């Protein structure tokens, strides 16, 4: 069975995790099938995630660990809020041509 779980990287007392798809029988640091994103707990819990790849693995039957499920839920709540804050240029500014 394929699991989507955390893979620890970083140094002592400075953890960083990769969110990976991996065979459930492998060790935590074992060979991964695909890296889906990262989680940096020391950087205010920053999560980067490839949503398309995650959805593809889940559609194929991969199981999320409890921690990853929580991180995905938080990430998906923040992404629409971040996209809503991006201003759209309804009237683009006139480009100035260099004077000759």
N, C-alpha and C. Protein backbone atom coordinates (compact mmCIF):
# COMPACT_ATOMS: atom_id res chain seq x y z
N UNK A 1 0.84 -1.17 0.00
CA UNK A 1 0.00 0.00 0.00
C UNK A 1 0.89 1.25 0.00
N UNK A 2 0.48 2.24 -0.73
CA UNK A 2 1.23 3.50 -0.79
C UNK A 2 0.69 4.43 0.28
N UNK A 3 1.60 5.05 1.01
CA UNK A 3 1.25 6.02 2.03
C UNK A 3 1.83 7.37 1.64
N UNK A 4 1.16 8.43 2.03
CA UNK A 4 1.69 9.78 1.87
C UNK A 4 2.01 10.24 3.28
N UNK A 5 3.30 10.42 3.54
CA UNK A 5 3.74 10.73 4.89
C UNK A 5 4.96 11.64 4.86
N UNK A 6 5.46 11.98 6.06
CA UNK A 6 6.59 12.89 6.17
C UNK A 6 7.92 12.14 6.12
N UNK A 7 8.91 12.79 5.52
CA UNK A 7 10.27 12.29 5.39
C UNK A 7 11.16 13.37 5.99
N UNK A 8 11.81 13.07 7.10
CA UNK A 8 12.57 14.10 7.81
C UNK A 8 13.91 14.39 7.13
N UNK A 9 14.20 15.67 6.99
CA UNK A 9 15.50 16.14 6.53
C UNK A 9 15.91 17.26 7.47
N UNK A 10 17.02 17.90 7.20
CA UNK A 10 17.47 18.99 8.06
C UNK A 10 18.51 18.50 9.05
N UNK A 11 18.90 19.38 9.93
CA UNK A 11 19.93 19.05 10.91
C UNK A 11 19.32 18.91 12.29
N UNK A 12 20.16 18.62 13.26
CA UNK A 12 19.70 18.48 14.63
C UNK A 12 19.06 19.78 15.10
N UNK A 13 17.88 19.66 15.66
CA UNK A 13 17.09 20.78 16.19
C UNK A 13 16.66 21.80 15.12
N UNK A 14 16.81 21.46 13.85
CA UNK A 14 16.33 22.29 12.74
C UNK A 14 15.65 21.39 11.71
N UNK A 15 14.51 20.80 12.11
CA UNK A 15 13.89 19.84 11.20
C UNK A 15 13.22 20.50 10.00
N UNK A 16 13.20 19.77 8.93
CA UNK A 16 12.46 20.12 7.74
C UNK A 16 11.95 18.79 7.20
N UNK A 17 10.74 18.78 6.68
CA UNK A 17 10.15 17.54 6.23
C UNK A 17 9.74 17.64 4.77
N UNK A 18 9.85 16.52 4.07
CA UNK A 18 9.30 16.41 2.73
C UNK A 18 8.02 15.60 2.85
N UNK A 19 7.02 15.98 2.10
CA UNK A 19 5.79 15.20 2.02
C UNK A 19 5.97 14.28 0.83
N UNK A 20 5.96 12.97 1.07
CA UNK A 20 6.32 12.01 0.03
C UNK A 20 5.28 10.90 -0.10
N UNK A 21 5.23 10.32 -1.29
CA UNK A 21 4.49 9.09 -1.53
C UNK A 21 5.52 7.96 -1.43
N UNK A 22 5.23 6.98 -0.57
CA UNK A 22 6.21 5.93 -0.29
C UNK A 22 5.46 4.63 0.02
N UNK A 23 6.09 3.51 -0.26
CA UNK A 23 5.53 2.21 0.09
C UNK A 23 5.48 2.12 1.61
N UNK A 24 4.35 1.68 2.15
CA UNK A 24 4.16 1.67 3.61
C UNK A 24 5.13 0.76 4.33
N UNK A 25 5.75 -0.19 3.64
CA UNK A 25 6.69 -1.11 4.29
C UNK A 25 8.09 -0.54 4.37
N UNK A 26 8.35 0.57 3.75
CA UNK A 26 9.69 1.17 3.77
C UNK A 26 9.92 1.95 5.06
N UNK A 27 11.21 2.16 5.35
CA UNK A 27 11.59 2.97 6.51
C UNK A 27 11.20 4.42 6.29
N UNK A 28 11.23 5.20 7.36
CA UNK A 28 10.91 6.62 7.25
C UNK A 28 11.83 7.31 6.25
N UNK A 29 13.09 6.93 6.23
CA UNK A 29 14.07 7.54 5.34
C UNK A 29 14.32 6.68 4.09
N UNK A 30 13.41 5.77 3.77
CA UNK A 30 13.59 4.87 2.65
C UNK A 30 13.38 5.54 1.30
N UNK A 31 13.53 4.74 0.24
CA UNK A 31 13.38 5.26 -1.12
C UNK A 31 11.93 5.66 -1.37
N UNK A 32 11.73 6.86 -1.89
CA UNK A 32 10.39 7.39 -2.11
C UNK A 32 9.96 7.20 -3.55
N UNK A 33 8.66 7.19 -3.77
CA UNK A 33 8.11 7.11 -5.11
C UNK A 33 8.04 8.49 -5.76
N UNK A 34 7.63 9.50 -4.96
CA UNK A 34 7.55 10.87 -5.47
C UNK A 34 7.53 11.85 -4.30
N UNK A 35 8.20 12.98 -4.49
CA UNK A 35 8.15 14.06 -3.50
C UNK A 35 7.00 14.98 -3.89
N UNK A 36 6.08 15.19 -2.95
CA UNK A 36 4.88 15.96 -3.22
C UNK A 36 4.92 17.38 -2.67
N UNK A 37 5.81 17.63 -1.71
CA UNK A 37 5.88 18.97 -1.14
C UNK A 37 6.83 19.00 0.04
N UNK A 38 6.80 20.12 0.77
CA UNK A 38 7.65 20.28 1.94
C UNK A 38 6.86 20.89 3.09
N UNK A 39 7.38 20.70 4.30
CA UNK A 39 6.81 21.28 5.51
C UNK A 39 7.96 21.77 6.35
N UNK A 40 7.93 23.06 6.72
CA UNK A 40 8.98 23.65 7.54
C UNK A 40 8.36 24.16 8.83
N UNK A 41 8.41 23.36 9.90
CA UNK A 41 7.75 23.76 11.15
C UNK A 41 8.37 24.99 11.80
N UNK A 42 9.66 25.23 11.57
CA UNK A 42 10.30 26.39 12.20
C UNK A 42 10.03 27.68 11.45
N UNK A 43 9.47 27.61 10.27
CA UNK A 43 9.15 28.81 9.48
C UNK A 43 7.63 29.02 9.53
N UNK A 44 7.09 29.12 10.74
CA UNK A 44 5.65 29.32 10.95
C UNK A 44 4.80 28.25 10.28
N UNK A 45 5.33 27.05 10.20
CA UNK A 45 4.57 25.95 9.63
C UNK A 45 4.35 26.07 8.14
N UNK A 46 5.31 26.60 7.41
CA UNK A 46 5.18 26.80 5.97
C UNK A 46 5.04 25.46 5.25
N UNK A 47 4.01 25.35 4.40
CA UNK A 47 3.75 24.13 3.65
C UNK A 47 3.71 24.48 2.17
N UNK A 48 4.49 23.75 1.36
CA UNK A 48 4.36 23.83 -0.09
C UNK A 48 3.90 22.46 -0.55
N UNK A 49 2.99 22.45 -1.50
CA UNK A 49 2.38 21.19 -1.87
C UNK A 49 1.98 21.20 -3.34
N UNK A 50 2.24 20.11 -4.03
CA UNK A 50 1.81 19.92 -5.41
C UNK A 50 0.43 19.25 -5.35
N UNK A 51 -0.62 20.07 -5.40
CA UNK A 51 -1.98 19.56 -5.24
C UNK A 51 -2.37 18.54 -6.30
N UNK A 52 -1.94 18.78 -7.54
CA UNK A 52 -2.30 17.86 -8.63
C UNK A 52 -1.70 16.47 -8.39
N UNK A 53 -0.44 16.42 -8.00
CA UNK A 53 0.21 15.13 -7.73
C UNK A 53 -0.41 14.45 -6.52
N UNK A 54 -0.72 15.22 -5.48
CA UNK A 54 -1.36 14.65 -4.30
C UNK A 54 -2.70 14.04 -4.66
N UNK A 55 -3.52 14.76 -5.41
CA UNK A 55 -4.83 14.24 -5.80
C UNK A 55 -4.70 13.00 -6.67
N UNK A 56 -3.67 12.96 -7.53
CA UNK A 56 -3.45 11.80 -8.38
C UNK A 56 -3.14 10.56 -7.53
N UNK A 57 -2.27 10.71 -6.52
CA UNK A 57 -1.93 9.58 -5.66
C UNK A 57 -3.13 9.12 -4.84
N UNK A 58 -3.91 10.07 -4.33
CA UNK A 58 -5.09 9.71 -3.54
C UNK A 58 -6.11 8.98 -4.42
N UNK A 59 -6.26 9.42 -5.66
CA UNK A 59 -7.17 8.75 -6.59
C UNK A 59 -6.74 7.32 -6.87
N UNK A 60 -5.43 7.06 -6.80
CA UNK A 60 -4.92 5.71 -7.02
C UNK A 60 -4.96 4.85 -5.76
N UNK A 61 -5.43 5.42 -4.65
CA UNK A 61 -5.61 4.62 -3.44
C UNK A 61 -4.60 4.87 -2.33
N UNK A 62 -3.75 5.88 -2.46
CA UNK A 62 -2.77 6.17 -1.42
C UNK A 62 -3.47 6.69 -0.17
N UNK A 63 -2.94 6.33 0.99
CA UNK A 63 -3.49 6.74 2.26
C UNK A 63 -2.64 7.85 2.86
N UNK A 64 -3.27 8.90 3.38
CA UNK A 64 -2.55 10.00 4.03
C UNK A 64 -2.35 9.67 5.50
N UNK A 65 -1.16 10.01 6.03
CA UNK A 65 -0.95 9.87 7.47
C UNK A 65 -1.77 10.97 8.16
N UNK A 66 -1.99 10.83 9.45
CA UNK A 66 -2.78 11.81 10.19
C UNK A 66 -2.16 13.20 10.12
N UNK A 67 -0.85 13.28 10.27
CA UNK A 67 -0.16 14.57 10.24
C UNK A 67 -0.26 15.21 8.86
N UNK A 68 -0.05 14.43 7.82
CA UNK A 68 -0.14 14.98 6.46
C UNK A 68 -1.56 15.42 6.17
N UNK A 69 -2.55 14.66 6.62
CA UNK A 69 -3.95 15.04 6.40
C UNK A 69 -4.22 16.40 7.04
N UNK A 70 -3.69 16.62 8.23
CA UNK A 70 -3.86 17.90 8.91
C UNK A 70 -3.16 19.03 8.14
N UNK A 71 -1.94 18.77 7.66
CA UNK A 71 -1.20 19.79 6.91
C UNK A 71 -1.89 20.13 5.59
N UNK A 72 -2.43 19.12 4.91
CA UNK A 72 -3.14 19.36 3.65
C UNK A 72 -4.38 20.21 3.90
N UNK A 73 -5.11 19.90 4.96
CA UNK A 73 -6.31 20.66 5.29
C UNK A 73 -5.97 22.13 5.55
N UNK A 74 -4.90 22.38 6.32
CA UNK A 74 -4.48 23.75 6.60
C UNK A 74 -4.00 24.45 5.33
N UNK A 75 -3.25 23.74 4.50
CA UNK A 75 -2.74 24.31 3.25
C UNK A 75 -3.89 24.72 2.32
N UNK A 76 -4.88 23.88 2.20
CA UNK A 76 -6.00 24.17 1.30
C UNK A 76 -6.88 25.29 1.82
N UNK A 77 -6.91 25.51 3.13
CA UNK A 77 -7.63 26.66 3.67
C UNK A 77 -6.89 27.96 3.35
N UNK A 78 -5.57 27.92 3.40
CA UNK A 78 -4.76 29.13 3.19
C UNK A 78 -4.65 29.49 1.72
N UNK A 79 -4.61 28.53 0.83
CA UNK A 79 -4.40 28.81 -0.59
C UNK A 79 -5.53 29.66 -1.18
N UNK A 80 -6.82 29.33 -0.98
CA UNK A 80 -7.86 30.21 -1.54
C UNK A 80 -7.82 31.60 -0.95
N UNK A 81 -7.48 31.73 0.34
CA UNK A 81 -7.39 33.05 0.95
C UNK A 81 -6.25 33.84 0.34
N UNK A 82 -5.13 33.20 0.07
CA UNK A 82 -3.99 33.88 -0.55
C UNK A 82 -4.31 34.29 -1.98
N UNK A 83 -5.05 33.45 -2.72
CA UNK A 83 -5.40 33.78 -4.09
C UNK A 83 -6.39 34.94 -4.13
N UNK A 84 -7.26 35.05 -3.13
CA UNK A 84 -8.24 36.12 -3.11
C UNK A 84 -7.59 37.48 -2.86
N UNK A 85 -6.44 37.48 -2.17
CA UNK A 85 -5.76 38.73 -1.86
C UNK A 85 -4.95 39.29 -3.02
N UNK A 86 -4.71 38.49 -4.04
CA UNK A 86 -3.91 38.94 -5.17
C UNK A 86 -4.73 39.92 -5.99
N UNK A 87 -4.25 41.17 -6.13
CA UNK A 87 -5.02 42.16 -6.90
C UNK A 87 -4.96 41.84 -8.40
N UNK A 88 -6.06 42.12 -9.06
CA UNK A 88 -6.09 41.93 -10.51
C UNK A 88 -6.02 43.30 -11.17
N UNK A 89 -5.28 43.39 -12.25
CA UNK A 89 -5.16 44.64 -12.99
C UNK A 89 -6.28 44.71 -14.02
N UNK A 90 -7.32 45.48 -13.67
CA UNK A 90 -8.43 45.63 -14.62
C UNK A 90 -8.05 46.60 -15.74
N UNK A 91 -7.31 47.64 -15.36
CA UNK A 91 -6.85 48.62 -16.35
C UNK A 91 -5.33 48.63 -16.31
N UNK A 92 -4.66 47.95 -17.25
CA UNK A 92 -3.21 47.94 -17.21
C UNK A 92 -2.64 49.32 -17.45
N UNK A 93 -1.56 49.60 -16.75
CA UNK A 93 -0.91 50.91 -16.87
C UNK A 93 -0.29 51.04 -18.26
N UNK A 94 -0.33 52.25 -18.77
CA UNK A 94 0.24 52.51 -20.10
C UNK A 94 1.75 52.35 -20.02
N UNK A 95 2.29 51.60 -20.97
CA UNK A 95 3.74 51.41 -20.99
C UNK A 95 4.37 52.61 -21.66
N UNK A 96 5.39 53.12 -21.04
CA UNK A 96 6.06 54.28 -21.62
C UNK A 96 7.19 53.82 -22.51
N UNK A 97 7.24 54.38 -23.67
CA UNK A 97 8.30 54.04 -24.63
C UNK A 97 9.51 54.91 -24.32
N UNK A 98 10.71 54.37 -24.45
CA UNK A 98 11.89 55.18 -24.18
C UNK A 98 12.01 56.31 -25.19
N UNK A 99 12.41 57.47 -24.70
CA UNK A 99 12.56 58.65 -25.57
C UNK A 99 13.79 58.47 -26.46
N UNK A 100 13.64 58.85 -27.72
CA UNK A 100 14.76 58.73 -28.66
C UNK A 100 15.40 60.05 -28.89
